[in-house]
């Protein structure tokens, strides 16, 4: 598996889940991300996700 460059605004999937998330913040020193769910009615934010766990979504690229 090739490591992908993740940027703020990218749409990603975590651990091959079916739900997409948008990268809201990225800490370049630690590699930690803050993600926002794209499919929820209410705003769902997931913080503390390491960038090695995510892959860019093919559907939204």
N, C-alpha and C. Protein backbone atom coordinates (compact mmCIF):
# COMPACT_ATOMS: atom_id res chain seq x y z
N UNK A 1 0.84 -1.17 0.00
CA UNK A 1 0.00 0.00 0.00
C UNK A 1 0.89 1.24 0.00
N UNK A 2 0.58 2.17 -0.89
CA UNK A 2 1.36 3.39 -1.00
C UNK A 2 0.77 4.47 -0.09
N UNK A 3 1.63 5.17 0.64
CA UNK A 3 1.18 6.24 1.52
C UNK A 3 0.74 7.44 0.69
N UNK A 4 -0.46 7.95 0.97
CA UNK A 4 -1.01 9.08 0.23
C UNK A 4 -0.85 10.35 1.04
N UNK A 5 -0.62 11.46 0.35
CA UNK A 5 -0.56 12.76 1.00
C UNK A 5 -1.98 13.22 1.31
N UNK A 6 -2.25 13.51 2.57
CA UNK A 6 -3.57 13.94 3.00
C UNK A 6 -3.53 15.44 3.27
N UNK A 7 -4.52 16.17 2.74
CA UNK A 7 -4.59 17.62 2.90
C UNK A 7 -5.93 18.01 3.51
N UNK A 8 -5.99 19.19 4.11
CA UNK A 8 -7.25 19.74 4.61
C UNK A 8 -8.20 19.90 3.43
N UNK A 9 -9.43 19.44 3.60
CA UNK A 9 -10.42 19.50 2.54
C UNK A 9 -10.59 18.20 1.78
N UNK A 10 -9.64 17.27 1.92
CA UNK A 10 -9.76 15.97 1.26
C UNK A 10 -10.91 15.17 1.87
N UNK A 11 -11.54 14.34 1.07
CA UNK A 11 -12.56 13.41 1.54
C UNK A 11 -11.88 12.06 1.69
N UNK A 12 -11.99 11.48 2.89
CA UNK A 12 -11.27 10.25 3.21
C UNK A 12 -12.20 9.23 3.84
N UNK A 13 -11.71 8.02 3.91
CA UNK A 13 -12.39 6.94 4.64
C UNK A 13 -11.41 6.42 5.69
N UNK A 14 -11.94 6.06 6.87
CA UNK A 14 -11.12 5.59 7.97
C UNK A 14 -11.22 4.08 8.06
N UNK A 15 -10.07 3.41 8.04
CA UNK A 15 -10.03 1.95 8.16
C UNK A 15 -11.01 1.26 7.22
N UNK A 16 -11.13 1.76 6.00
CA UNK A 16 -12.00 1.19 4.96
C UNK A 16 -13.48 1.16 5.33
N UNK A 17 -13.92 2.07 6.20
CA UNK A 17 -15.35 2.22 6.48
C UNK A 17 -16.05 2.73 5.22
N UNK A 18 -17.34 2.55 5.15
CA UNK A 18 -18.09 3.04 4.00
C UNK A 18 -18.41 4.52 4.11
N UNK A 19 -18.39 5.07 5.32
CA UNK A 19 -18.76 6.48 5.53
C UNK A 19 -17.61 7.42 5.19
N UNK A 20 -17.88 8.48 4.42
CA UNK A 20 -16.84 9.45 4.08
C UNK A 20 -16.74 10.55 5.14
N UNK A 21 -15.54 11.06 5.30
CA UNK A 21 -15.26 12.18 6.21
C UNK A 21 -14.43 13.22 5.46
N UNK A 22 -14.61 14.48 5.81
CA UNK A 22 -13.79 15.56 5.25
C UNK A 22 -12.74 15.94 6.29
N UNK A 23 -11.50 16.11 5.84
CA UNK A 23 -10.42 16.52 6.74
C UNK A 23 -10.59 18.01 7.03
N UNK A 24 -10.81 18.34 8.30
CA UNK A 24 -10.99 19.73 8.73
C UNK A 24 -9.68 20.34 9.23
N UNK A 25 -8.86 19.55 9.90
CA UNK A 25 -7.58 20.03 10.41
C UNK A 25 -6.56 18.91 10.31
N UNK A 26 -5.28 19.30 10.17
CA UNK A 26 -4.19 18.32 10.13
C UNK A 26 -3.00 18.92 10.85
N UNK A 27 -2.45 18.17 11.81
CA UNK A 27 -1.24 18.60 12.51
C UNK A 27 -0.06 17.92 11.83
N UNK A 28 0.78 18.68 11.11
CA UNK A 28 1.88 18.06 10.37
C UNK A 28 2.95 17.44 11.27
N UNK A 29 3.08 17.91 12.50
CA UNK A 29 4.09 17.35 13.41
C UNK A 29 3.69 15.97 13.91
N UNK A 30 2.43 15.80 14.28
CA UNK A 30 1.99 14.54 14.86
C UNK A 30 1.27 13.63 13.88
N UNK A 31 0.77 14.19 12.78
CA UNK A 31 0.01 13.40 11.82
C UNK A 31 -1.42 13.14 12.25
N UNK A 32 -1.90 13.88 13.25
CA UNK A 32 -3.27 13.70 13.73
C UNK A 32 -4.23 14.56 12.93
N UNK A 33 -5.43 14.01 12.69
CA UNK A 33 -6.44 14.68 11.88
C UNK A 33 -7.69 14.95 12.69
N UNK A 34 -8.43 15.96 12.28
CA UNK A 34 -9.79 16.21 12.76
C UNK A 34 -10.68 16.04 11.53
N UNK A 35 -11.66 15.13 11.64
CA UNK A 35 -12.53 14.79 10.52
C UNK A 35 -13.96 15.20 10.82
N UNK A 36 -14.68 15.59 9.77
CA UNK A 36 -16.11 15.89 9.89
C UNK A 36 -16.88 14.96 8.97
N UNK A 37 -17.92 14.35 9.50
CA UNK A 37 -18.73 13.42 8.73
C UNK A 37 -19.50 14.14 7.64
N UNK A 38 -19.58 13.55 6.47
CA UNK A 38 -20.33 14.13 5.36
C UNK A 38 -21.77 13.61 5.29
N UNK A 39 -22.08 12.56 6.01
CA UNK A 39 -23.38 11.90 5.84
C UNK A 39 -24.36 12.15 6.99
N UNK A 40 -23.95 12.81 8.04
CA UNK A 40 -24.81 12.97 9.22
C UNK A 40 -25.70 14.20 9.10
N UNK A 41 -26.89 14.09 9.67
CA UNK A 41 -27.79 15.24 9.73
C UNK A 41 -27.21 16.26 10.71
N UNK A 42 -26.79 15.79 11.87
CA UNK A 42 -26.11 16.64 12.85
C UNK A 42 -24.61 16.63 12.56
N UNK A 43 -23.92 17.68 12.93
CA UNK A 43 -22.48 17.77 12.70
C UNK A 43 -21.76 16.76 13.60
N UNK A 44 -21.00 15.87 13.00
CA UNK A 44 -20.23 14.88 13.74
C UNK A 44 -18.76 15.13 13.45
N UNK A 45 -17.97 15.38 14.51
CA UNK A 45 -16.55 15.65 14.36
C UNK A 45 -15.78 14.56 15.09
N UNK A 46 -14.77 14.03 14.43
CA UNK A 46 -13.94 12.97 14.97
C UNK A 46 -12.51 13.50 15.03
N UNK A 47 -11.97 13.68 16.23
CA UNK A 47 -10.62 14.22 16.36
C UNK A 47 -9.68 13.15 16.88
N UNK A 48 -8.39 13.32 16.59
CA UNK A 48 -7.38 12.39 17.07
C UNK A 48 -7.22 11.16 16.20
N UNK A 49 -7.55 11.25 14.94
CA UNK A 49 -7.39 10.13 14.01
C UNK A 49 -6.03 10.27 13.34
N UNK A 50 -5.21 9.23 13.40
CA UNK A 50 -3.88 9.30 12.79
C UNK A 50 -4.00 9.15 11.28
N UNK A 51 -3.19 9.91 10.55
CA UNK A 51 -3.29 9.92 9.09
C UNK A 51 -2.97 8.57 8.45
N UNK A 52 -2.29 7.67 9.15
CA UNK A 52 -2.02 6.35 8.59
C UNK A 52 -3.27 5.48 8.51
N UNK A 53 -4.33 5.87 9.24
CA UNK A 53 -5.58 5.10 9.24
C UNK A 53 -6.52 5.48 8.11
N UNK A 54 -6.24 6.56 7.39
CA UNK A 54 -7.18 7.05 6.38
C UNK A 54 -6.65 6.84 4.97
N UNK A 55 -7.59 6.70 4.04
CA UNK A 55 -7.28 6.65 2.61
C UNK A 55 -8.21 7.62 1.91
N UNK A 56 -7.73 8.22 0.84
CA UNK A 56 -8.57 9.14 0.08
C UNK A 56 -9.72 8.38 -0.55
N UNK A 57 -10.88 8.99 -0.55
CA UNK A 57 -12.07 8.37 -1.14
C UNK A 57 -12.00 8.47 -2.65
N UNK A 58 -12.19 7.36 -3.32
CA UNK A 58 -12.16 7.33 -4.78
C UNK A 58 -13.41 8.00 -5.35
N UNK A 59 -14.52 7.88 -4.65
CA UNK A 59 -15.79 8.42 -5.12
C UNK A 59 -15.75 9.95 -5.20
N UNK A 60 -15.09 10.60 -4.25
CA UNK A 60 -15.09 12.06 -4.16
C UNK A 60 -13.84 12.70 -4.75
N UNK A 61 -12.97 11.93 -5.36
CA UNK A 61 -11.73 12.53 -5.88
C UNK A 61 -11.87 13.04 -7.28
